[in-house]
Amino acid sequence: MIELREAGPVEFAARLDPVIEIYTAAMHPPVDQITGRKSIMRNHGTYPAFRCLFAEAADGTAVGFAYGFHGAPGQWWHDVVHHALVERAGAEVADAWLGDTLELAEIHVHPDYQGKGIGRAMIRGLCAGRPERAAILSTHDQPTAARHLYRSLGFTDLLTEFVFPGGYERYAIVGTALPLLT
């Protein structure tokens, strides 16, 4: 049986090694990016209203994690996405989505545990009771199981075929109103 357990920034930072193991198993990043990703995740724990959920097996082993925080100007992802949304859809649309948002930064389940509703439960848990008016995230712009999950939870495309500065992969930026309706 898998249980969700909330962790604050201190515990999250202390558990970055298993977090990175899950991330690596789920995403298969280039080895040279792992140290940087770990540093980015550690920094995310300092953002306002940070909230993390671990999906744990009966023995306490983490098999998934998800976290988010209140998005704000001055955060790299927030600023890059806001700028792109202004260019493609206008300032009014960008401000409506990013003016008061829960940014779901990472949602990952170890491949051995995928397809069991863990990701859905973590997203619902992170979004429950949040004061923000919207939740937003980025995902690979491909017909993946994650993309299907987000659509089933009410997320709609805000940007597609988006490439982050310095990157090469295409992403979709998706958002939904809070509270989640499904």
N, C-alpha and C. Protein backbone atom coordinates (compact mmCIF):
# COMPACT_ATOMS: atom_id res chain seq x y z
N MET A 1 0.85 -1.18 0.00
CA MET A 1 0.00 0.00 0.00
C MET A 1 0.89 1.24 0.00
N ILE A 2 0.51 2.21 -0.79
CA ILE A 2 1.24 3.46 -0.90
C ILE A 2 0.50 4.54 -0.12
N GLU A 3 1.25 5.29 0.68
CA GLU A 3 0.67 6.39 1.43
C GLU A 3 1.36 7.68 1.06
N LEU A 4 0.60 8.76 1.06
CA LEU A 4 1.16 10.08 0.82
C LEU A 4 1.49 10.72 2.16
N ARG A 5 2.67 11.36 2.20
CA ARG A 5 3.09 12.02 3.42
C ARG A 5 3.69 13.37 3.06
N GLU A 6 3.24 14.40 3.77
CA GLU A 6 3.74 15.74 3.52
C GLU A 6 5.11 15.92 4.16
N ALA A 7 5.95 16.69 3.48
CA ALA A 7 7.28 17.02 4.00
C ALA A 7 7.54 18.50 3.78
N GLY A 8 8.13 19.13 4.75
CA GLY A 8 8.49 20.53 4.63
C GLY A 8 9.84 20.69 3.95
N PRO A 9 10.28 21.92 3.79
CA PRO A 9 11.54 22.20 3.09
C PRO A 9 12.76 21.51 3.69
N VAL A 10 12.84 21.43 5.01
CA VAL A 10 14.02 20.83 5.65
C VAL A 10 14.09 19.34 5.35
N GLU A 11 12.97 18.63 5.53
CA GLU A 11 12.96 17.20 5.23
C GLU A 11 13.18 16.95 3.74
N PHE A 12 12.56 17.77 2.90
CA PHE A 12 12.76 17.63 1.46
C PHE A 12 14.24 17.72 1.11
N ALA A 13 14.92 18.73 1.63
CA ALA A 13 16.36 18.90 1.36
C ALA A 13 17.16 17.71 1.87
N ALA A 14 16.77 17.17 3.02
CA ALA A 14 17.48 16.03 3.59
C ALA A 14 17.27 14.76 2.76
N ARG A 15 16.19 14.71 1.98
CA ARG A 15 15.87 13.51 1.19
C ARG A 15 16.15 13.70 -0.30
N LEU A 16 17.02 14.63 -0.64
CA LEU A 16 17.28 14.89 -2.06
C LEU A 16 17.91 13.70 -2.78
N ASP A 17 18.67 12.86 -2.10
CA ASP A 17 19.26 11.70 -2.79
C ASP A 17 18.19 10.74 -3.30
N PRO A 18 17.22 10.30 -2.47
CA PRO A 18 16.16 9.46 -3.04
C PRO A 18 15.28 10.20 -4.04
N VAL A 19 15.10 11.50 -3.85
CA VAL A 19 14.33 12.32 -4.81
C VAL A 19 15.00 12.25 -6.18
N ILE A 20 16.31 12.44 -6.20
CA ILE A 20 17.06 12.41 -7.46
C ILE A 20 17.03 11.01 -8.07
N GLU A 21 17.05 9.97 -7.25
CA GLU A 21 16.95 8.60 -7.78
C GLU A 21 15.62 8.39 -8.50
N ILE A 22 14.53 8.86 -7.90
CA ILE A 22 13.21 8.73 -8.52
C ILE A 22 13.16 9.56 -9.80
N TYR A 23 13.63 10.79 -9.73
CA TYR A 23 13.65 11.68 -10.89
C TYR A 23 14.43 11.04 -12.03
N THR A 24 15.60 10.49 -11.73
CA THR A 24 16.45 9.88 -12.75
C THR A 24 15.78 8.66 -13.37
N ALA A 25 15.17 7.82 -12.54
CA ALA A 25 14.48 6.63 -13.06
C ALA A 25 13.30 7.01 -13.95
N ALA A 26 12.59 8.07 -13.59
CA ALA A 26 11.40 8.47 -14.33
C ALA A 26 11.73 9.28 -15.58
N MET A 27 12.76 10.11 -15.52
CA MET A 27 13.01 11.07 -16.60
C MET A 27 14.22 10.75 -17.49
N HIS A 28 15.13 9.93 -17.01
CA HIS A 28 16.34 9.56 -17.77
C HIS A 28 17.11 10.79 -18.26
N PRO A 29 17.43 11.73 -17.35
CA PRO A 29 18.16 12.91 -17.79
C PRO A 29 19.62 12.58 -18.12
N PRO A 30 20.28 13.41 -18.91
CA PRO A 30 21.72 13.22 -19.11
C PRO A 30 22.44 13.32 -17.76
N VAL A 31 23.42 12.46 -17.56
CA VAL A 31 24.13 12.39 -16.28
C VAL A 31 24.69 13.75 -15.87
N ASP A 32 25.16 14.52 -16.84
CA ASP A 32 25.78 15.80 -16.50
C ASP A 32 24.77 16.84 -16.02
N GLN A 33 23.47 16.55 -16.07
CA GLN A 33 22.46 17.49 -15.60
C GLN A 33 21.98 17.21 -14.17
N ILE A 34 22.35 16.07 -13.63
CA ILE A 34 21.79 15.65 -12.34
C ILE A 34 22.23 16.58 -11.21
N THR A 35 23.50 16.96 -11.15
CA THR A 35 23.96 17.85 -10.09
C THR A 35 23.23 19.19 -10.13
N GLY A 36 23.07 19.73 -11.32
CA GLY A 36 22.34 20.99 -11.46
C GLY A 36 20.88 20.86 -11.06
N ARG A 37 20.26 19.75 -11.43
CA ARG A 37 18.85 19.53 -11.08
C ARG A 37 18.71 19.45 -9.56
N LYS A 38 19.65 18.80 -8.90
CA LYS A 38 19.62 18.68 -7.44
C LYS A 38 19.71 20.07 -6.80
N SER A 39 20.56 20.92 -7.33
CA SER A 39 20.72 22.27 -6.81
C SER A 39 19.43 23.08 -7.02
N ILE A 40 18.83 22.95 -8.19
CA ILE A 40 17.57 23.65 -8.48
C ILE A 40 16.48 23.20 -7.51
N MET A 41 16.39 21.89 -7.29
CA MET A 41 15.37 21.37 -6.37
C MET A 41 15.60 21.88 -4.95
N ARG A 42 16.84 21.89 -4.51
CA ARG A 42 17.16 22.39 -3.17
C ARG A 42 16.69 23.85 -3.06
N ASN A 43 16.96 24.64 -4.08
CA ASN A 43 16.57 26.04 -4.08
C ASN A 43 15.05 26.20 -4.07
N HIS A 44 14.34 25.34 -4.78
CA HIS A 44 12.87 25.42 -4.80
C HIS A 44 12.30 25.31 -3.39
N GLY A 45 12.96 24.56 -2.53
CA GLY A 45 12.49 24.41 -1.15
C GLY A 45 12.47 25.72 -0.37
N THR A 46 13.14 26.75 -0.89
CA THR A 46 13.17 28.05 -0.21
C THR A 46 12.08 28.99 -0.72
N TYR A 47 11.33 28.58 -1.73
CA TYR A 47 10.32 29.45 -2.33
C TYR A 47 9.08 29.54 -1.42
N PRO A 48 8.30 30.62 -1.58
CA PRO A 48 7.14 30.82 -0.71
C PRO A 48 6.09 29.73 -0.85
N ALA A 49 5.54 29.35 0.30
CA ALA A 49 4.46 28.36 0.36
C ALA A 49 4.84 27.03 -0.27
N PHE A 50 6.12 26.64 -0.14
CA PHE A 50 6.60 25.34 -0.65
C PHE A 50 5.84 24.23 0.05
N ARG A 51 5.43 23.24 -0.75
CA ARG A 51 4.74 22.06 -0.20
C ARG A 51 5.17 20.85 -0.99
N CYS A 52 5.54 19.79 -0.28
CA CYS A 52 5.99 18.55 -0.91
C CYS A 52 5.20 17.38 -0.38
N LEU A 53 4.90 16.43 -1.27
CA LEU A 53 4.30 15.16 -0.88
C LEU A 53 5.21 14.04 -1.35
N PHE A 54 5.46 13.09 -0.46
CA PHE A 54 6.15 11.86 -0.81
C PHE A 54 5.13 10.74 -0.88
N ALA A 55 5.24 9.91 -1.89
CA ALA A 55 4.48 8.66 -1.96
C ALA A 55 5.42 7.59 -1.43
N GLU A 56 4.99 6.91 -0.36
CA GLU A 56 5.87 5.96 0.31
C GLU A 56 5.25 4.57 0.37
N ALA A 57 6.12 3.58 0.18
CA ALA A 57 5.72 2.18 0.36
C ALA A 57 5.60 1.92 1.86
N ALA A 58 5.08 0.76 2.22
CA ALA A 58 4.85 0.42 3.62
C ALA A 58 6.11 0.50 4.47
N ASP A 59 7.27 0.26 3.86
CA ASP A 59 8.54 0.32 4.62
C ASP A 59 9.13 1.73 4.69
N GLY A 60 8.40 2.75 4.17
CA GLY A 60 8.87 4.12 4.23
C GLY A 60 9.71 4.54 3.04
N THR A 61 9.96 3.63 2.10
CA THR A 61 10.73 3.95 0.91
C THR A 61 9.92 4.86 0.00
N ALA A 62 10.53 5.95 -0.42
CA ALA A 62 9.85 6.86 -1.33
C ALA A 62 9.80 6.25 -2.73
N VAL A 63 8.61 6.23 -3.32
CA VAL A 63 8.43 5.72 -4.69
C VAL A 63 7.93 6.83 -5.62
N GLY A 64 7.67 8.00 -5.05
CA GLY A 64 7.24 9.15 -5.82
C GLY A 64 7.35 10.39 -4.98
N PHE A 65 7.39 11.53 -5.64
CA PHE A 65 7.39 12.81 -4.95
C PHE A 65 6.80 13.86 -5.88
N ALA A 66 6.25 14.87 -5.28
CA ALA A 66 5.74 16.01 -6.02
C ALA A 66 5.83 17.22 -5.12
N TYR A 67 6.13 18.36 -5.74
CA TYR A 67 6.14 19.58 -4.94
C TYR A 67 5.78 20.78 -5.79
N GLY A 68 5.36 21.81 -5.08
CA GLY A 68 5.02 23.06 -5.71
C GLY A 68 5.18 24.20 -4.73
N PHE A 69 4.95 25.40 -5.21
CA PHE A 69 5.12 26.60 -4.40
C PHE A 69 4.38 27.74 -5.07
N HIS A 70 4.28 28.84 -4.35
CA HIS A 70 3.62 30.01 -4.92
C HIS A 70 4.57 30.65 -5.94
N GLY A 71 4.12 30.75 -7.17
CA GLY A 71 4.93 31.36 -8.22
C GLY A 71 4.94 32.88 -8.07
N ALA A 72 6.10 33.48 -8.33
CA ALA A 72 6.22 34.92 -8.17
C ALA A 72 7.29 35.48 -9.11
N PRO A 73 7.15 36.74 -9.48
CA PRO A 73 8.20 37.37 -10.27
C PRO A 73 9.55 37.24 -9.55
N GLY A 74 10.60 37.07 -10.36
CA GLY A 74 11.93 36.87 -9.80
C GLY A 74 12.35 35.41 -9.76
N GLN A 75 11.39 34.51 -9.95
CA GLN A 75 11.70 33.08 -10.06
C GLN A 75 11.92 32.79 -11.54
N TRP A 76 13.01 32.10 -11.86
CA TRP A 76 13.40 31.91 -13.25
C TRP A 76 12.27 31.34 -14.10
N TRP A 77 11.69 30.19 -13.72
CA TRP A 77 10.65 29.53 -14.52
C TRP A 77 9.47 30.48 -14.70
N HIS A 78 9.04 31.09 -13.62
CA HIS A 78 7.90 32.01 -13.66
C HIS A 78 8.15 33.14 -14.66
N ASP A 79 9.32 33.74 -14.58
CA ASP A 79 9.62 34.88 -15.46
C ASP A 79 9.71 34.47 -16.93
N VAL A 80 10.35 33.32 -17.20
CA VAL A 80 10.48 32.85 -18.58
C VAL A 80 9.11 32.53 -19.17
N VAL A 81 8.28 31.84 -18.42
CA VAL A 81 6.96 31.47 -18.92
C VAL A 81 6.08 32.71 -19.06
N HIS A 82 6.14 33.62 -18.10
CA HIS A 82 5.34 34.84 -18.19
C HIS A 82 5.70 35.62 -19.45
N HIS A 83 6.99 35.78 -19.69
CA HIS A 83 7.45 36.51 -20.89
C HIS A 83 6.93 35.83 -22.17
N ALA A 84 7.05 34.51 -22.24
CA ALA A 84 6.59 33.79 -23.44
C ALA A 84 5.08 33.90 -23.61
N LEU A 85 4.36 33.84 -22.52
CA LEU A 85 2.90 33.93 -22.60
C LEU A 85 2.47 35.35 -23.01
N VAL A 86 3.18 36.36 -22.53
CA VAL A 86 2.90 37.73 -22.97
C VAL A 86 3.09 37.84 -24.47
N GLU A 87 4.20 37.28 -24.98
CA GLU A 87 4.48 37.36 -26.42
C GLU A 87 3.45 36.63 -27.27
N ARG A 88 2.97 35.48 -26.80
CA ARG A 88 2.05 34.67 -27.61
C ARG A 88 0.58 35.00 -27.40
N ALA A 89 0.22 35.44 -26.17
CA ALA A 89 -1.21 35.62 -25.90
C ALA A 89 -1.55 36.99 -25.31
N GLY A 90 -0.56 37.77 -24.95
CA GLY A 90 -0.81 39.10 -24.41
C GLY A 90 -0.65 39.15 -22.89
N ALA A 91 -0.43 40.38 -22.40
CA ALA A 91 -0.17 40.59 -20.97
C ALA A 91 -1.37 40.22 -20.11
N GLU A 92 -2.56 40.47 -20.60
CA GLU A 92 -3.76 40.17 -19.80
C GLU A 92 -3.88 38.67 -19.53
N VAL A 93 -3.64 37.86 -20.54
CA VAL A 93 -3.70 36.40 -20.38
C VAL A 93 -2.57 35.93 -19.46
N ALA A 94 -1.36 36.45 -19.69
CA ALA A 94 -0.23 36.05 -18.86
C ALA A 94 -0.47 36.39 -17.40
N ASP A 95 -0.96 37.59 -17.14
CA ASP A 95 -1.21 37.99 -15.76
C ASP A 95 -2.35 37.20 -15.12
N ALA A 96 -3.34 36.84 -15.92
CA ALA A 96 -4.46 36.06 -15.40
C ALA A 96 -3.97 34.68 -14.92
N TRP A 97 -3.08 34.08 -15.69
CA TRP A 97 -2.58 32.74 -15.32
C TRP A 97 -1.47 32.79 -14.29
N LEU A 98 -0.56 33.75 -14.39
CA LEU A 98 0.63 33.74 -13.54
C LEU A 98 0.58 34.77 -12.42
N GLY A 99 -0.50 35.53 -12.32
CA GLY A 99 -0.60 36.55 -11.28
C GLY A 99 -0.82 35.98 -9.89
N ASP A 100 -1.37 34.80 -9.81
CA ASP A 100 -1.63 34.15 -8.51
C ASP A 100 -1.67 32.65 -8.76
N THR A 101 -0.48 32.04 -8.79
CA THR A 101 -0.41 30.66 -9.25
C THR A 101 0.37 29.74 -8.32
N LEU A 102 -0.10 28.52 -8.26
CA LEU A 102 0.64 27.42 -7.66
C LEU A 102 1.46 26.81 -8.79
N GLU A 103 2.77 26.87 -8.68
CA GLU A 103 3.62 26.26 -9.70
C GLU A 103 3.98 24.85 -9.25
N LEU A 104 3.48 23.87 -9.99
CA LEU A 104 3.79 22.47 -9.71
C LEU A 104 5.11 22.17 -10.41
N ALA A 105 6.19 22.21 -9.65
CA ALA A 105 7.53 22.16 -10.23
C ALA A 105 7.95 20.75 -10.62
N GLU A 106 7.66 19.78 -9.79
CA GLU A 106 8.08 18.39 -10.07
C GLU A 106 7.00 17.44 -9.62
N ILE A 107 6.71 16.45 -10.46
CA ILE A 107 5.77 15.38 -10.15
C ILE A 107 6.35 14.13 -10.78
N HIS A 108 6.86 13.22 -9.96
CA HIS A 108 7.53 12.04 -10.51
C HIS A 108 7.20 10.81 -9.69
N VAL A 109 6.96 9.71 -10.40
CA VAL A 109 6.72 8.41 -9.78
C VAL A 109 7.71 7.43 -10.39
N HIS A 110 8.33 6.63 -9.55
CA HIS A 110 9.26 5.61 -10.05
C HIS A 110 8.52 4.73 -11.06
N PRO A 111 9.16 4.38 -12.17
CA PRO A 111 8.49 3.58 -13.21
C PRO A 111 7.83 2.30 -12.70
N ASP A 112 8.39 1.67 -11.68
CA ASP A 112 7.80 0.44 -11.13
C ASP A 112 6.43 0.69 -10.48
N TYR A 113 6.11 1.94 -10.22
CA TYR A 113 4.87 2.28 -9.51
C TYR A 113 3.94 3.15 -10.35
N GLN A 114 4.29 3.43 -11.57
CA GLN A 114 3.46 4.27 -12.42
C GLN A 114 2.19 3.53 -12.84
N GLY A 115 1.16 4.30 -13.17
CA GLY A 115 -0.10 3.73 -13.63
C GLY A 115 -0.98 3.23 -12.51
N LYS A 116 -0.69 3.62 -11.28
CA LYS A 116 -1.46 3.15 -10.12
C LYS A 116 -2.21 4.29 -9.42
N GLY A 117 -2.25 5.46 -10.05
CA GLY A 117 -2.99 6.59 -9.47
C GLY A 117 -2.17 7.43 -8.50
N ILE A 118 -0.88 7.16 -8.36
CA ILE A 118 -0.05 7.89 -7.40
C ILE A 118 0.15 9.33 -7.84
N GLY A 119 0.48 9.55 -9.10
CA GLY A 119 0.67 10.91 -9.60
C GLY A 119 -0.59 11.73 -9.43
N ARG A 120 -1.73 11.17 -9.78
CA ARG A 120 -3.02 11.86 -9.64
C ARG A 120 -3.25 12.23 -8.17
N ALA A 121 -3.00 11.30 -7.27
CA ALA A 121 -3.21 11.56 -5.84
C ALA A 121 -2.28 12.66 -5.34
N MET A 122 -1.03 12.67 -5.82
CA MET A 122 -0.10 13.71 -5.38
C MET A 122 -0.53 15.08 -5.90
N ILE A 123 -0.96 15.16 -7.15
CA ILE A 123 -1.41 16.44 -7.69
C ILE A 123 -2.63 16.94 -6.92
N ARG A 124 -3.59 16.06 -6.70
CA ARG A 124 -4.78 16.46 -5.94
C ARG A 124 -4.38 16.94 -4.54
N GLY A 125 -3.46 16.21 -3.91
CA GLY A 125 -3.02 16.58 -2.57
C GLY A 125 -2.33 17.92 -2.54
N LEU A 126 -1.47 18.19 -3.52
CA LEU A 126 -0.78 19.47 -3.56
C LEU A 126 -1.73 20.63 -3.81
N CYS A 127 -2.75 20.40 -4.62
CA CYS A 127 -3.68 21.46 -4.98
C CYS A 127 -4.76 21.70 -3.93
N ALA A 128 -5.02 20.72 -3.09
CA ALA A 128 -6.10 20.82 -2.10
C ALA A 128 -5.84 21.97 -1.12
N GLY A 129 -6.83 22.81 -0.99
CA GLY A 129 -6.77 23.88 0.00
C GLY A 129 -5.84 25.04 -0.34
N ARG A 130 -5.29 25.04 -1.54
CA ARG A 130 -4.38 26.14 -1.90
C ARG A 130 -5.17 27.42 -2.13
N PRO A 131 -4.60 28.57 -1.75
CA PRO A 131 -5.31 29.83 -1.93
C PRO A 131 -5.17 30.43 -3.34
N GLU A 132 -4.20 29.92 -4.13
CA GLU A 132 -3.99 30.48 -5.46
C GLU A 132 -5.20 30.22 -6.35
N ARG A 133 -5.34 31.04 -7.39
CA ARG A 133 -6.48 30.87 -8.29
C ARG A 133 -6.21 29.87 -9.41
N ALA A 134 -4.93 29.51 -9.64
CA ALA A 134 -4.60 28.59 -10.73
C ALA A 134 -3.39 27.75 -10.36
N ALA A 135 -3.28 26.60 -11.01
CA ALA A 135 -2.08 25.75 -10.93
C ALA A 135 -1.52 25.66 -12.34
N ILE A 136 -0.20 25.65 -12.45
CA ILE A 136 0.45 25.65 -13.76
C ILE A 136 1.69 24.76 -13.67
N LEU A 137 2.04 24.13 -14.80
CA LEU A 137 3.23 23.28 -14.85
C LEU A 137 3.71 23.16 -16.28
N SER A 138 4.91 22.60 -16.43
CA SER A 138 5.43 22.29 -17.77
C SER A 138 5.62 20.80 -17.87
N THR A 139 5.40 20.29 -19.07
CA THR A 139 5.55 18.86 -19.34
C THR A 139 6.01 18.69 -20.78
N HIS A 140 6.63 17.56 -21.06
CA HIS A 140 7.05 17.32 -22.44
C HIS A 140 5.85 17.42 -23.37
N ASP A 141 6.03 18.09 -24.48
CA ASP A 141 4.94 18.29 -25.43
C ASP A 141 4.85 17.09 -26.36
N GLN A 142 4.44 15.99 -25.78
CA GLN A 142 4.27 14.72 -26.48
C GLN A 142 3.05 14.02 -25.91
N PRO A 143 2.50 13.04 -26.61
CA PRO A 143 1.33 12.33 -26.09
C PRO A 143 1.72 11.28 -25.05
N THR A 144 2.16 11.75 -23.88
CA THR A 144 2.62 10.87 -22.81
C THR A 144 1.51 10.58 -21.81
N ALA A 145 1.75 9.62 -20.94
CA ALA A 145 0.79 9.32 -19.88
C ALA A 145 0.63 10.53 -18.96
N ALA A 146 1.72 11.25 -18.71
CA ALA A 146 1.64 12.45 -17.86
C ALA A 146 0.74 13.50 -18.50
N ARG A 147 0.91 13.70 -19.77
CA ARG A 147 0.10 14.69 -20.50
C ARG A 147 -1.38 14.31 -20.42
N HIS A 148 -1.69 13.03 -20.57
CA HIS A 148 -3.06 12.54 -20.45
C HIS A 148 -3.59 12.78 -19.03
N LEU A 149 -2.76 12.50 -18.02
CA LEU A 149 -3.16 12.71 -16.63
C LEU A 149 -3.53 14.18 -16.40
N TYR A 150 -2.68 15.09 -16.85
CA TYR A 150 -2.94 16.51 -16.63
C TYR A 150 -4.25 16.94 -17.30
N ARG A 151 -4.48 16.47 -18.50
CA ARG A 151 -5.74 16.80 -19.19
C ARG A 151 -6.95 16.28 -18.42
N SER A 152 -6.81 15.06 -17.89
CA SER A 152 -7.93 14.47 -17.15
C SER A 152 -8.23 15.23 -15.86
N LEU A 153 -7.26 16.00 -15.37
CA LEU A 153 -7.46 16.80 -14.17
C LEU A 153 -7.89 18.24 -14.50
N GLY A 154 -8.11 18.53 -15.79
CA GLY A 154 -8.60 19.83 -16.19
C GLY A 154 -7.56 20.81 -16.68
N PHE A 155 -6.30 20.38 -16.78
CA PHE A 155 -5.26 21.28 -17.29
C PHE A 155 -5.44 21.48 -18.79
N THR A 156 -5.29 22.72 -19.23
CA THR A 156 -5.40 23.05 -20.65
C THR A 156 -4.08 23.67 -21.12
N ASP A 157 -3.84 23.58 -22.41
CA ASP A 157 -2.61 24.12 -22.98
C ASP A 157 -2.61 25.64 -22.95
N LEU A 158 -1.53 26.20 -22.42
CA LEU A 158 -1.31 27.64 -22.47
C LEU A 158 -0.26 27.97 -23.52
N LEU A 159 0.78 27.15 -23.59
CA LEU A 159 1.83 27.25 -24.60
C LEU A 159 2.17 25.84 -25.05
N THR A 160 2.40 25.66 -26.32
CA THR A 160 2.87 24.38 -26.83
C THR A 160 4.14 24.60 -27.64
N GLU A 161 4.86 23.52 -27.86
CA GLU A 161 6.12 23.57 -28.61
C GLU A 161 7.05 24.65 -28.05
N PHE A 162 7.05 24.78 -26.74
CA PHE A 162 7.86 25.80 -26.07
C PHE A 162 9.21 25.22 -25.70
N VAL A 163 10.27 25.94 -26.04
CA VAL A 163 11.63 25.52 -25.71
C VAL A 163 12.20 26.54 -24.71
N PHE A 164 12.60 26.06 -23.54
CA PHE A 164 13.18 26.94 -22.54
C PHE A 164 14.53 27.46 -23.01
N PRO A 165 14.92 28.67 -22.60
CA PRO A 165 16.22 29.21 -23.00
C PRO A 165 17.35 28.23 -22.67
N GLY A 166 18.22 28.01 -23.64
CA GLY A 166 19.33 27.09 -23.45
C GLY A 166 18.97 25.63 -23.63
N GLY A 167 17.69 25.34 -23.87
CA GLY A 167 17.24 23.96 -24.01
C GLY A 167 17.00 23.59 -25.45
N TYR A 168 16.52 22.37 -25.64
CA TYR A 168 16.23 21.89 -26.98
C TYR A 168 14.92 21.08 -27.02
N GLU A 169 14.46 20.61 -25.87
CA GLU A 169 13.23 19.81 -25.85
C GLU A 169 12.01 20.73 -25.89
N ARG A 170 10.95 20.22 -26.51
CA ARG A 170 9.71 20.99 -26.61
C ARG A 170 8.81 20.64 -25.41
N TYR A 171 8.28 21.70 -24.81
CA TYR A 171 7.41 21.55 -23.65
C TYR A 171 6.06 22.16 -23.93
N ALA A 172 5.08 21.70 -23.17
CA ALA A 172 3.77 22.34 -23.12
C ALA A 172 3.67 22.95 -21.73
N ILE A 173 3.19 24.16 -21.67
CA ILE A 173 2.88 24.82 -20.40
C ILE A 173 1.37 24.69 -20.26
N VAL A 174 0.93 24.07 -19.18
CA VAL A 174 -0.49 23.80 -19.00
C VAL A 174 -0.96 24.38 -17.67
N GLY A 175 -2.22 24.75 -17.61
CA GLY A 175 -2.76 25.33 -16.39
C GLY A 175 -4.21 24.95 -16.17
N THR A 176 -4.64 25.09 -14.94
CA THR A 176 -6.03 24.84 -14.58
C THR A 176 -6.42 25.77 -13.44
N ALA A 177 -7.70 26.07 -13.36
CA ALA A 177 -8.21 26.87 -12.25
C ALA A 177 -8.21 26.02 -10.98
N LEU A 178 -8.04 26.68 -9.87
CA LEU A 178 -8.16 26.01 -8.57
C LEU A 178 -9.44 26.51 -7.90
N PRO A 179 -10.11 25.69 -7.12
CA PRO A 179 -9.76 24.30 -6.82
C PRO A 179 -10.01 23.38 -8.02
N LEU A 180 -9.29 22.25 -8.01
CA LEU A 180 -9.50 21.26 -9.06
C LEU A 180 -10.95 20.80 -9.03
N LEU A 181 -11.54 20.65 -10.20
CA LEU A 181 -12.95 20.24 -10.27
C LEU A 181 -13.12 18.75 -10.37
N THR A 182 -12.08 18.04 -10.84
CA THR A 182 -12.25 16.59 -11.05
C THR A 182 -11.63 15.79 -9.95
